[in-house]
Amino acid sequence: MSNELTLNQLQEKVDRYIGQFKEGYFPPFELMARLTEEIGELSREVQHVYGQKKKKQSESINSIEEELGDLFFVIVCFANSQGIRLDETLLKVINKYETRDKDRWTRKDE
């Protein structure tokens, strides 16, 4: 059995998880604050791995993968709370890039 889930299935899984709690999804402004927090944590990890500013010994080291996962979870929560299907939204954005920005960057030789 494969562990692969569609984006829609992942959204449903998060929704089932959040649905266990009376509080439900955080309000939009709190979700935005959580997104900002998670982006900051991801940024800190990227800076530690690739940048000049390494972490202090007292700071825990998390993986970029872990921080991306935390960020994605909050994005899914935000989308779910707004009734947005991320699979449809992402396809619209990809289409926008494929049309509007099709000649924006230098293509690899084919």
Protein backbone atom coordinates (compact mmCIF):
# COMPACT_ATOMS: atom_id res chain seq x y z
CA MET A 1 0.00 0.00 0.00
CA SER A 2 1.27 3.43 -0.95
CA ASN A 3 1.50 6.34 1.49
CA GLU A 4 0.96 8.83 -1.32
CA LEU A 5 -2.08 11.04 -0.86
CA THR A 6 -3.56 13.61 -3.17
CA LEU A 7 -3.64 17.21 -2.09
CA ASN A 8 -7.39 16.92 -1.60
CA GLN A 9 -6.91 13.83 0.60
CA LEU A 10 -4.33 15.69 2.68
CA GLN A 11 -6.76 18.57 3.16
CA GLU A 12 -9.43 16.10 4.26
CA LYS A 13 -7.00 14.43 6.69
CA VAL A 14 -6.13 17.79 8.27
CA ASP A 15 -9.83 18.65 8.43
CA ARG A 16 -10.58 15.40 10.28
CA TYR A 17 -7.77 16.14 12.71
CA ILE A 18 -8.92 19.72 13.41
CA GLY A 19 -12.55 18.55 13.55
CA GLN A 20 -11.78 16.59 16.74
CA PHE A 21 -11.48 19.80 18.72
CA LYS A 22 -14.19 22.22 19.84
CA GLU A 23 -11.99 25.18 18.94
CA GLY A 24 -11.78 24.18 15.28
CA TYR A 25 -9.68 26.30 12.96
CA PHE A 26 -8.09 29.47 14.25
CA PRO A 27 -9.55 32.74 12.93
CA PRO A 28 -7.85 34.16 9.80
CA PHE A 29 -5.65 36.67 11.64
CA GLU A 30 -4.35 33.99 13.99
CA LEU A 31 -3.65 31.71 11.03
CA MET A 32 -1.73 34.55 9.39
CA ALA A 33 0.30 34.96 12.57
CA ARG A 34 1.00 31.22 12.57
CA LEU A 35 2.07 31.38 8.91
CA THR A 36 4.43 34.24 9.73
CA GLU A 37 5.84 32.30 12.67
CA GLU A 38 6.42 29.18 10.56
CA ILE A 39 8.05 31.18 7.76
CA GLY A 40 10.37 32.68 10.35
CA GLU A 41 11.29 29.22 11.65
CA LEU A 42 11.92 27.99 8.09
CA SER A 43 14.01 31.07 7.39
CA ARG A 44 16.08 30.41 10.52
CA GLU A 45 16.82 26.85 9.39
CA VAL A 46 17.77 27.96 5.86
CA GLN A 47 20.04 30.63 7.34
CA HIS A 48 21.66 28.04 9.61
CA VAL A 49 22.28 25.56 6.77
CA TYR A 50 23.14 27.92 3.91
CA GLY A 51 23.76 31.34 5.40
CA GLN A 52 26.32 33.12 7.52
CA LYS A 53 24.34 33.09 10.75
CA LYS A 54 24.70 29.68 12.39
CA LYS A 55 22.63 28.68 15.40
CA LYS A 56 23.89 28.95 18.94
CA GLN A 57 24.50 25.73 20.84
CA SER A 58 21.46 26.51 22.97
CA GLU A 59 19.17 26.65 19.89
CA SER A 60 17.57 23.45 18.69
CA ILE A 61 18.31 22.39 15.15
CA ASN A 62 15.30 21.36 13.12
CA SER A 63 15.36 20.26 9.53
CA ILE A 64 14.26 22.38 6.61
CA GLU A 65 11.94 19.48 5.77
CA GLU A 66 10.30 19.66 9.21
CA GLU A 67 9.82 23.41 8.98
CA LEU A 68 8.34 23.12 5.47
CA GLY A 69 5.95 20.51 6.84
CA ASP A 70 4.85 22.85 9.65
CA LEU A 71 4.36 25.68 7.16
CA PHE A 72 2.37 23.45 4.81
CA PHE A 73 0.14 22.27 7.67
CA VAL A 74 -0.79 25.86 8.50
CA ILE A 75 -1.37 26.64 4.81
CA VAL A 76 -3.73 23.65 4.61
CA CYS A 77 -5.52 24.81 7.77
CA PHE A 78 -5.93 28.30 6.30
CA ALA A 79 -7.23 26.92 3.00
CA ASN A 80 -9.64 24.58 4.76
CA SER A 81 -10.94 27.35 6.99
CA GLN A 82 -11.69 29.41 3.88
CA GLY A 83 -13.18 26.53 1.86
CA ILE A 84 -10.34 26.65 -0.68
CA ARG A 85 -9.28 23.51 -2.55
CA LEU A 86 -5.53 23.74 -2.88
CA ASP A 87 -5.37 21.34 -5.83
CA GLU A 88 -7.62 23.60 -7.91
CA THR A 89 -5.87 26.75 -6.70
CA LEU A 90 -2.41 25.41 -7.47
CA LEU A 91 -3.47 24.36 -10.97
CA LYS A 92 -4.74 27.90 -11.60
CA VAL A 93 -1.42 29.34 -10.46
CA ILE A 94 0.56 26.90 -12.61
CA ASN A 95 -1.56 27.90 -15.60
CA LYS A 96 -0.86 31.55 -14.85
CA TYR A 97 2.88 30.90 -14.84
CA GLU A 98 2.69 28.80 -17.99
CA THR A 99 0.86 31.55 -19.86
CA ARG A 100 1.76 34.93 -18.40
CA ASP A 101 5.37 34.07 -17.59
CA LYS A 102 6.07 31.55 -20.38
CA ASP A 103 8.85 33.69 -21.86
CA ARG A 104 10.06 35.32 -18.67
CA TRP A 105 13.06 33.06 -18.01
CA THR A 106 15.67 31.45 -20.21
CA ARG A 107 14.63 27.93 -21.17
CA LYS A 108 17.03 25.02 -21.09
CA ASP A 109 18.05 23.73 -24.49
CA GLU A 110 15.81 20.92 -25.57
